[in-house]
Amino acid sequence: MEERIKQFQKRGFGLFVHYGAYVQYENGEWVMNLRQHDPENYEKKALELDYSSFDAKKVIHAAKISGAKYITFTTRHHDGFSLYDTRGLTDYDVMHTPNGKDIVKEFVDACHEADIMPFLYHTTVDWHHPDFDRDFPAYLQYLRDSIEILCCHYGEIGGFWLDGNWSKPAGAWELDVLYGIIRKYQPHAIIINNTGLEAQGVFGHEEIDCVTFEQGHPQKLDCSEMEKEYMGEMCYPICEHWGIATDINVKSMKQILEAMVACRRVGGNFLLGIFTKLDGSQPLLHEGYLEAIGKWVQKNEDAFFEGQVCAIKGYGKDFALETKDKVYLFLHDIPTWGDQNVIKLTERQYSTFTNVQHELKEGKWLDNEASVAFAQDREKGLLVIEPTPFQYGESWVIRVAVFNKENK
């Protein structure tokens, strides 16, 4: 795997921020299409909206409290409205709004200051541009010119997250040219082209560095017959929508954390979609979730970000990651201990791991540094550990044990 892809993989956890003209409707990022807004009126309201309250530091705050290492931010969504200075390509951008400012520049600069890797989402399908249906070659030039602007005027970009190729036949997009622009101006950028809900994990072009598993089940990738080793990323919204919406159907913290670590189990990244309001802040419900996720990440940071896929096998959802000198075991469905009059007591069977090649010592739980009771049969490659219950008053959903490898 190329070093730049390895470095992206180590970042592990990012936030997906959808921001655009649609924030004013609070009905999701597809509001123009699914709510059947009149295109002319939608365009008028997009250009009349004052976006000057947007504060990129509020987006950075969301990443910091959650423990996320990168942010994927929408520069232009399917409605065709650009949040950056298109430098004469179109008048349909944020620079032509009241108190217009280059929101993408503010975002990228804030990321660089905070050591957060900026990723730029850019649509490939466009509901607004007339050439998309009328003169597709002309539209492709518009798209390429748009990407070139983002490549050349915003400093170092971590990667480009492209979305919408499902709208045209695969051969129509002239991807060699589009990806060539990114490689020319941002050679270290990660290229991701979302394959959507129906084609998860599809590797569509030799320049792709990361395939997507949108709201799906991340899989371990077999690159043995490929010319390059690439990786995967699963994007996963807290609710059912990506852009801010009247949606309180939030996933449980258990669902989110289990999806998050399932990505690491197969060497993939986790991209969590959050709602972002006009000023760049998040609803209190989402901010509370981000804070709770951040507490879990802080407890298990080394295991989550540094641990690599290994040969050790767990049962069910349990799995292991390792570094040069440590083994991390991720255990699910840990019960909570307490008095039977205040909590329904449940038992958890011993956790068994196989194909353990190293002798292990000094096991401890990362959340409280208490010792882990375990037994190991080196000849059989077998490790059995006692899943110590959480004490009453705490639960971290997924508990991580760390062992030192015996060096002989």
Protein backbone atom coordinates (compact mmCIF):
# COMPACT_ATOMS: atom_id res chain seq x y z
CA MET A 1 0.00 0.00 0.00
CA GLU A 2 1.29 3.45 -0.91
CA GLU A 3 2.36 5.56 2.04
CA ARG A 4 -0.26 8.27 1.41
CA ILE A 5 -3.04 5.64 1.54
CA LYS A 6 -1.53 4.16 4.71
CA GLN A 7 -1.59 7.60 6.32
CA PHE A 8 -5.24 8.06 5.39
CA GLN A 9 -6.05 4.62 6.78
CA LYS A 10 -4.39 5.54 10.08
CA ARG A 11 -6.73 8.51 10.42
CA GLY A 12 -9.51 5.98 10.75
CA PHE A 13 -12.46 8.21 11.63
CA GLY A 14 -13.86 11.25 9.85
CA LEU A 15 -16.96 13.44 9.85
CA PHE A 16 -19.15 13.92 6.77
CA VAL A 17 -20.49 17.49 6.68
CA HIS A 18 -23.21 18.39 4.17
CA TYR A 19 -23.64 22.13 3.88
CA GLY A 20 -25.22 24.16 1.09
CA ALA A 21 -28.26 26.10 -0.06
CA TYR A 22 -30.47 23.30 1.25
CA VAL A 23 -29.69 24.10 4.91
CA GLN A 24 -32.42 26.76 4.88
CA TYR A 25 -35.14 24.17 4.24
CA GLU A 26 -34.11 21.67 6.94
CA ASN A 27 -35.47 18.83 4.81
CA GLY A 28 -32.24 17.12 3.81
CA GLU A 29 -29.72 17.65 1.03
CA TRP A 30 -32.01 16.24 -1.69
CA VAL A 31 -34.79 18.74 -0.94
CA MET A 32 -34.70 20.35 -4.41
CA ASN A 33 -35.34 17.01 -6.08
CA LEU A 34 -37.52 15.09 -3.63
CA ARG A 35 -39.64 18.02 -2.43
CA GLN A 36 -40.13 19.12 -6.05
CA HIS A 37 -39.10 22.71 -5.52
CA ASP A 38 -39.39 24.92 -8.56
CA PRO A 39 -35.80 25.14 -9.90
CA GLU A 40 -35.97 28.88 -10.53
CA ASN A 41 -37.31 29.61 -7.07
CA TYR A 42 -34.73 27.27 -5.50
CA GLU A 43 -31.95 29.10 -7.35
CA LYS A 44 -33.34 32.47 -6.28
CA LYS A 45 -33.45 31.46 -2.62
CA ALA A 46 -29.99 29.91 -2.82
CA LEU A 47 -28.53 33.21 -4.01
CA GLU A 48 -30.56 35.33 -1.59
CA LEU A 49 -29.47 33.42 1.50
CA ASP A 50 -26.79 35.07 3.64
CA TYR A 51 -24.16 32.44 4.49
CA SER A 52 -21.87 34.85 6.33
CA SER A 53 -22.71 33.39 9.75
CA PHE A 54 -20.90 30.18 8.78
CA ASP A 55 -17.96 29.62 11.13
CA ALA A 56 -15.61 26.82 10.11
CA LYS A 57 -14.28 26.63 13.66
CA LYS A 58 -17.64 25.19 14.71
CA VAL A 59 -17.12 22.34 12.25
CA ILE A 60 -13.59 21.85 13.58
CA HIS A 61 -15.03 21.78 17.12
CA ALA A 62 -17.28 18.88 16.09
CA ALA A 63 -14.26 16.93 14.89
CA LYS A 64 -12.22 17.70 17.98
CA ILE A 65 -14.84 16.63 20.52
CA SER A 66 -15.58 13.42 18.60
CA GLY A 67 -11.96 12.40 18.03
CA ALA A 68 -12.30 12.53 14.23
CA LYS A 69 -9.06 13.01 12.28
CA TYR A 70 -10.52 14.29 8.99
CA ILE A 71 -13.62 16.02 7.63
CA THR A 72 -15.27 15.53 4.26
CA PHE A 73 -17.05 18.78 3.39
CA THR A 74 -19.44 19.46 0.52
CA THR A 75 -18.11 21.99 -1.98
CA ARG A 76 -20.93 21.48 -4.48
CA HIS A 77 -23.84 19.09 -4.06
CA HIS A 78 -26.31 17.79 -6.66
CA ASP A 79 -28.26 21.07 -6.64
CA GLY A 80 -25.28 22.63 -8.44
CA PHE A 81 -24.67 25.46 -5.94
CA SER A 82 -20.96 26.00 -5.23
CA LEU A 83 -19.61 26.97 -1.81
CA TYR A 84 -16.35 28.24 -3.32
CA ASP A 85 -15.23 30.98 -5.68
CA THR A 86 -15.75 29.44 -9.12
CA ARG A 87 -13.71 32.27 -10.65
CA GLY A 88 -16.14 33.07 -13.45
CA LEU A 89 -17.22 29.53 -14.29
CA THR A 90 -20.71 30.27 -12.99
CA ASP A 91 -22.64 32.93 -11.11
CA TYR A 92 -24.32 30.22 -9.10
CA ASP A 93 -21.89 30.23 -6.21
CA VAL A 94 -21.55 31.60 -2.70
CA MET A 95 -19.58 34.64 -3.93
CA HIS A 96 -22.78 35.94 -5.55
CA THR A 97 -24.78 35.91 -2.32
CA PRO A 98 -25.21 38.70 0.28
CA ASN A 99 -21.91 39.17 2.11
CA GLY A 100 -20.51 36.35 -0.01
CA LYS A 101 -17.37 34.66 1.25
CA ASP A 102 -15.46 31.61 0.12
CA ILE A 103 -16.71 29.02 2.58
CA VAL A 104 -14.49 26.23 1.26
CA LYS A 105 -11.38 28.36 1.76
CA GLU A 106 -12.42 29.13 5.33
CA PHE A 107 -13.02 25.43 5.95
CA VAL A 108 -9.72 24.24 4.45
CA ASP A 109 -7.71 26.92 6.27
CA ALA A 110 -9.36 25.99 9.58
CA CYS A 111 -8.53 22.31 9.00
CA HIS A 112 -4.89 23.08 8.30
CA GLU A 113 -4.64 25.16 11.47
CA ALA A 114 -6.19 22.39 13.57
CA ASP A 115 -4.29 19.41 12.07
CA ILE A 116 -7.52 18.02 10.63
CA MET A 117 -7.24 16.57 7.13
CA PRO A 118 -9.66 18.34 4.73
CA PHE A 119 -11.48 16.20 2.19
CA LEU A 120 -13.60 17.87 -0.46
CA TYR A 121 -16.87 16.31 -1.54
CA HIS A 122 -17.87 17.32 -5.08
CA THR A 123 -20.88 16.18 -7.02
CA THR A 124 -20.55 14.82 -10.53
CA VAL A 125 -24.30 14.89 -11.23
CA ASP A 126 -25.76 18.40 -11.54
CA TRP A 127 -29.48 19.23 -11.41
CA HIS A 128 -28.83 22.90 -12.18
CA HIS A 129 -26.32 23.09 -15.01
CA PRO A 130 -28.16 22.97 -18.38
CA ASP A 131 -25.33 21.17 -20.17
CA PHE A 132 -25.63 18.11 -17.94
CA ASP A 133 -28.54 16.91 -20.07
CA ARG A 134 -28.09 19.10 -23.15
CA ASP A 135 -24.37 18.89 -23.95
CA PHE A 136 -22.59 16.41 -21.68
CA PRO A 137 -19.07 16.91 -23.14
CA ALA A 138 -19.41 20.63 -22.38
CA TYR A 139 -20.59 19.77 -18.87
CA LEU A 140 -17.59 17.50 -18.34
CA GLN A 141 -15.30 20.42 -19.14
CA TYR A 142 -17.18 22.52 -16.58
CA LEU A 143 -16.76 19.75 -14.01
CA ARG A 144 -13.05 19.39 -14.74
CA ASP A 145 -12.51 23.14 -14.55
CA SER A 146 -14.32 23.15 -11.20
CA ILE A 147 -12.08 20.41 -9.79
CA GLU A 148 -8.98 22.18 -11.11
CA ILE A 149 -9.96 25.33 -9.21
CA LEU A 150 -10.24 23.33 -5.99
CA CYS A 151 -6.90 21.66 -6.69
CA CYS A 152 -5.02 24.89 -7.35
CA HIS A 153 -6.32 27.53 -4.91
CA TYR A 154 -6.83 25.86 -1.54
CA GLY A 155 -3.49 24.46 -0.48
CA GLU A 156 -3.01 20.80 0.33
CA ILE A 157 -6.17 18.73 0.08
CA GLY A 158 -6.36 15.34 1.76
CA GLY A 159 -8.63 13.91 -0.85
CA PHE A 160 -11.60 14.26 -3.19
CA TRP A 161 -14.88 12.47 -2.52
CA LEU A 162 -16.79 12.37 -5.83
CA ASP A 163 -20.45 11.42 -5.98
CA GLY A 164 -23.00 10.96 -8.73
CA ASN A 165 -21.56 8.72 -11.44
CA TRP A 166 -24.59 6.47 -11.04
CA SER A 167 -26.49 9.04 -13.14
CA LYS A 168 -24.73 8.25 -16.44
CA PRO A 169 -23.17 5.16 -18.08
CA ALA A 170 -19.74 4.41 -16.64
CA GLY A 171 -17.91 5.08 -19.89
CA ALA A 172 -19.34 8.56 -20.28
CA TRP A 173 -17.36 10.24 -17.52
CA GLU A 174 -13.85 10.30 -19.10
CA LEU A 175 -12.37 9.54 -15.70
CA ASP A 176 -8.78 9.40 -16.95
CA VAL A 177 -8.97 13.11 -17.62
CA LEU A 178 -10.77 14.03 -14.39
CA TYR A 179 -8.50 11.98 -12.16
CA GLY A 180 -5.48 13.17 -14.14
CA ILE A 181 -6.21 16.74 -13.06
CA ILE A 182 -6.21 15.69 -9.41
CA ARG A 183 -2.99 13.72 -9.81
CA LYS A 184 -1.32 16.64 -11.59
CA TYR A 185 -2.09 19.29 -8.97
CA GLN A 186 -2.67 17.23 -5.81
CA PRO A 187 -0.54 14.10 -6.28
CA HIS A 188 -0.93 12.96 -2.67
CA ALA A 189 -4.70 13.38 -2.52
CA ILE A 190 -6.87 10.32 -1.92
CA ILE A 191 -9.38 9.75 -4.73
CA ILE A 192 -12.73 8.31 -3.69
CA ASN A 193 -15.62 7.88 -6.11
CA ASN A 194 -18.78 6.86 -4.29
CA THR A 195 -20.27 3.75 -5.83
CA GLY A 196 -23.53 4.24 -3.96
CA LEU A 197 -25.96 1.96 -2.19
CA GLU A 198 -26.18 -0.60 -4.98
CA ALA A 199 -22.50 -1.12 -5.84
CA GLN A 200 -20.62 -1.17 -2.56
CA GLY A 201 -16.91 -1.81 -2.62
CA VAL A 202 -16.60 -1.67 -6.41
CA PHE A 203 -13.14 -0.70 -7.67
CA GLY A 204 -13.96 1.26 -10.81
CA HIS A 205 -10.68 2.82 -11.93
CA GLU A 206 -6.95 2.33 -11.38
CA GLU A 207 -6.60 5.78 -9.81
CA ILE A 208 -9.15 5.03 -7.09
CA ASP A 209 -7.50 4.86 -3.66
CA CYS A 210 -10.53 4.09 -1.54
CA VAL A 211 -13.83 2.35 -2.32
CA THR A 212 -17.08 3.07 -0.50
CA PHE A 213 -19.57 1.06 1.52
CA GLU A 214 -22.33 3.63 1.95
CA GLN A 215 -24.51 2.71 4.95
CA GLY A 216 -23.51 -0.90 4.36
CA HIS A 217 -21.26 -3.57 5.80
CA PRO A 218 -17.54 -2.97 5.31
CA GLN A 219 -15.68 -5.90 3.85
CA LYS A 220 -12.08 -6.99 3.89
CA LEU A 221 -10.70 -6.18 0.47
CA ASP A 222 -8.72 -8.65 -1.62
CA CYS A 223 -6.22 -6.67 -3.69
CA SER A 224 -4.02 -9.68 -4.50
CA GLU A 225 -4.84 -9.58 -8.22
CA MET A 226 -4.86 -5.78 -8.48
CA GLU A 227 -2.01 -3.51 -9.51
CA LYS A 228 -2.43 -1.44 -6.36
CA GLU A 229 -3.56 -2.01 -2.80
CA TYR A 230 -6.49 0.23 -1.98
CA MET A 231 -8.75 0.54 1.06
CA GLY A 232 -12.40 1.05 1.99
CA GLU A 233 -14.49 3.64 3.79
CA MET A 234 -18.05 3.37 5.07
CA CYS A 235 -20.14 6.54 5.32
CA TYR A 236 -22.89 6.34 7.90
CA PRO A 237 -25.33 9.09 8.96
CA ILE A 238 -26.36 9.60 12.58
CA CYS A 239 -29.99 9.82 11.39
CA GLU A 240 -31.44 8.84 8.02
CA HIS A 241 -30.33 11.99 6.21
CA TRP A 242 -27.01 13.65 5.43
CA GLY A 243 -27.99 17.32 5.33
CA ILE A 244 -29.84 18.92 8.23
CA ALA A 245 -33.43 17.69 8.39
CA THR A 246 -36.40 17.39 10.69
CA ASP A 247 -35.19 13.95 11.67
CA ILE A 248 -34.95 12.68 15.24
CA ASN A 249 -34.65 9.05 14.17
CA VAL A 250 -31.15 8.80 15.54
CA LYS A 251 -29.20 5.58 15.65
CA SER A 252 -28.22 4.25 19.04
CA MET A 253 -24.70 4.80 20.33
CA LYS A 254 -24.32 1.02 20.23
CA GLN A 255 -25.15 0.97 16.50
CA ILE A 256 -22.69 3.76 15.77
CA LEU A 257 -19.77 2.39 17.78
CA GLU A 258 -20.28 -1.14 16.45
CA ALA A 259 -20.31 0.16 12.87
CA MET A 260 -17.25 2.27 13.63
CA VAL A 261 -15.12 -0.59 14.93
CA ALA A 262 -16.44 -2.98 12.26
CA CYS A 263 -14.69 -0.76 9.73
CA ARG A 264 -11.38 -1.07 11.56
CA ARG A 265 -11.82 -4.82 11.78
CA VAL A 266 -11.36 -5.01 8.00
CA GLY A 267 -8.86 -2.14 7.67
CA GLY A 268 -11.40 0.49 6.61
CA ASN A 269 -12.27 4.01 7.71
CA PHE A 270 -15.52 5.24 9.23
CA LEU A 271 -17.13 8.48 7.98
CA LEU A 272 -19.95 9.68 10.24
CA GLY A 273 -22.57 11.98 8.73
CA ILE A 274 -23.74 14.79 11.03
CA PHE A 275 -26.21 17.65 10.68
CA THR A 276 -24.74 21.14 10.28
CA LYS A 277 -26.77 24.32 10.63
CA LEU A 278 -26.35 27.59 8.71
CA ASP A 279 -23.71 28.91 11.13
CA GLY A 280 -21.69 25.67 11.01
CA SER A 281 -22.85 24.37 14.39
CA GLN A 282 -24.60 21.08 15.10
CA PRO A 283 -27.96 20.44 16.77
CA LEU A 284 -27.57 19.66 20.47
CA LEU A 285 -28.60 16.05 19.88
CA HIS A 286 -25.78 15.51 17.40
CA GLU A 287 -23.26 17.41 19.49
CA GLY A 288 -24.10 15.17 22.45
CA TYR A 289 -23.46 12.09 20.33
CA LEU A 290 -20.14 13.49 19.13
CA GLU A 291 -19.04 14.19 22.68
CA ALA A 292 -19.91 10.65 23.76
CA ILE A 293 -18.09 9.13 20.78
CA GLY A 294 -15.10 11.29 21.64
CA LYS A 295 -14.99 9.88 25.16
CA TRP A 296 -14.90 6.34 23.78
CA VAL A 297 -12.20 7.30 21.26
CA GLN A 298 -10.11 8.90 24.00
CA LYS A 299 -10.25 5.69 26.05
CA ASN A 300 -9.31 3.48 23.10
CA GLU A 301 -7.33 5.81 20.84
CA ASP A 302 -4.21 3.70 20.28
CA ALA A 303 -6.22 0.55 19.61
CA PHE A 304 -8.55 2.23 17.14
CA PHE A 305 -6.08 4.32 15.15
CA GLU A 306 -2.84 2.32 15.42
CA GLY A 307 -4.15 -1.24 15.41
CA GLN A 308 -3.80 -3.19 12.17
CA VAL A 309 -5.73 -6.14 10.77
CA CYS A 310 -4.16 -9.38 11.96
CA ALA A 311 -4.54 -13.16 11.77
CA ILE A 312 -6.14 -13.57 15.21
CA LYS A 313 -9.76 -14.67 14.98
CA GLY A 314 -12.56 -13.91 17.41
CA TYR A 315 -16.11 -15.22 17.54
CA GLY A 316 -19.17 -13.27 16.48
CA LYS A 317 -18.48 -9.55 16.53
CA ASP A 318 -15.33 -9.88 18.67
CA PHE A 319 -12.03 -9.33 16.86
CA ALA A 320 -8.39 -8.37 17.28
CA LEU A 321 -6.02 -5.74 15.91
CA GLU A 322 -2.30 -5.58 16.50
CA THR A 323 0.79 -3.40 16.33
CA LYS A 324 4.43 -4.47 16.42
CA ASP A 325 4.39 -5.09 20.17
CA LYS A 326 0.71 -5.11 21.23
CA VAL A 327 -2.52 -7.01 20.62
CA TYR A 328 -5.88 -5.30 21.06
CA LEU A 329 -9.06 -7.34 21.59
CA PHE A 330 -12.41 -5.68 20.87
CA LEU A 331 -15.21 -7.28 22.89
CA HIS A 332 -18.94 -6.71 22.33
CA ASP A 333 -22.03 -7.25 24.47
CA ILE A 334 -20.25 -6.92 27.80
CA PRO A 335 -22.73 -7.06 30.72
CA THR A 336 -22.88 -4.57 33.57
CA TRP A 337 -22.43 -5.69 37.17
CA GLY A 338 -24.69 -4.38 39.92
CA ASP A 339 -27.31 -5.26 42.50
CA GLN A 340 -30.11 -7.41 41.10
CA ASN A 341 -32.65 -4.96 42.51
CA VAL A 342 -31.41 -2.14 40.31
CA ILE A 343 -30.19 -3.83 37.14
CA LYS A 344 -31.13 -6.95 35.23
CA LEU A 345 -28.08 -9.14 35.50
CA THR A 346 -26.89 -11.05 32.44
CA GLU A 347 -23.96 -13.37 31.94
CA ARG A 348 -21.37 -13.26 29.22
CA GLN A 349 -19.51 -16.41 28.22
CA TYR A 350 -15.74 -16.43 28.15
CA SER A 351 -14.28 -14.85 25.01
CA THR A 352 -12.16 -17.15 22.89
CA PHE A 353 -9.65 -16.10 20.25
CA THR A 354 -7.79 -18.45 17.92
CA ASN A 355 -4.66 -18.28 15.78
CA VAL A 356 -2.81 -16.34 18.48
CA GLN A 357 0.85 -16.72 17.48
CA HIS A 358 2.57 -14.62 20.15
CA GLU A 359 2.75 -15.29 23.84
CA LEU A 360 0.87 -12.50 25.56
CA LYS A 361 1.39 -10.86 28.94
CA GLU A 362 0.14 -8.00 31.09
CA GLY A 363 -3.42 -7.81 29.79
CA LYS A 364 -5.47 -4.80 30.90
CA TRP A 365 -8.71 -3.04 29.99
CA LEU A 366 -8.15 0.28 28.30
CA ASP A 367 -11.15 1.98 29.90
CA ASN A 368 -9.95 1.58 33.51
CA GLU A 369 -6.53 -0.14 33.28
CA ALA A 370 -7.73 -3.06 35.40
CA SER A 371 -6.07 -6.42 34.80
CA VAL A 372 -7.63 -8.92 32.42
CA ALA A 373 -7.98 -12.52 33.55
CA PHE A 374 -6.89 -14.82 30.74
CA ALA A 375 -5.45 -18.20 29.85
CA GLN A 376 -3.38 -19.03 26.77
CA ASP A 377 -2.52 -22.31 25.06
CA ARG A 378 0.42 -21.36 22.88
CA GLU A 379 0.58 -24.70 21.06
CA LYS A 380 -3.06 -24.49 19.99
CA GLY A 381 -2.91 -20.75 19.33
CA LEU A 382 -5.80 -20.36 21.74
CA LEU A 383 -6.55 -17.42 24.04
CA VAL A 384 -9.47 -17.34 26.50
CA ILE A 385 -10.24 -14.20 28.46
CA GLU A 386 -12.80 -13.41 31.10
CA PRO A 387 -14.98 -10.50 29.91
CA THR A 388 -15.03 -8.53 33.16
CA PRO A 389 -18.40 -6.76 33.44
CA PHE A 390 -18.65 -3.00 33.49
CA GLN A 391 -19.16 -1.64 36.97
CA TYR A 392 -22.59 -0.24 37.72
CA GLY A 393 -22.66 3.40 36.58
CA GLU A 394 -20.61 2.93 33.42
CA SER A 395 -20.76 1.23 30.04
CA TRP A 396 -18.50 1.78 27.05
CA VAL A 397 -20.55 -0.51 24.76
CA ILE A 398 -17.40 -2.08 23.29
CA ARG A 399 -14.59 -2.95 25.66
CA VAL A 400 -10.99 -3.16 24.51
CA ALA A 401 -8.27 -5.21 26.17
CA VAL A 402 -4.60 -4.67 25.39
CA PHE A 403 -1.83 -7.26 25.74
CA ASN A 404 1.89 -6.88 25.32
CA LYS A 405 3.56 -9.40 23.03
CA GLU A 406 6.31 -11.43 24.63
CA ASN A 407 9.57 -10.73 22.77
CA LYS A 408 11.88 -13.72 22.73
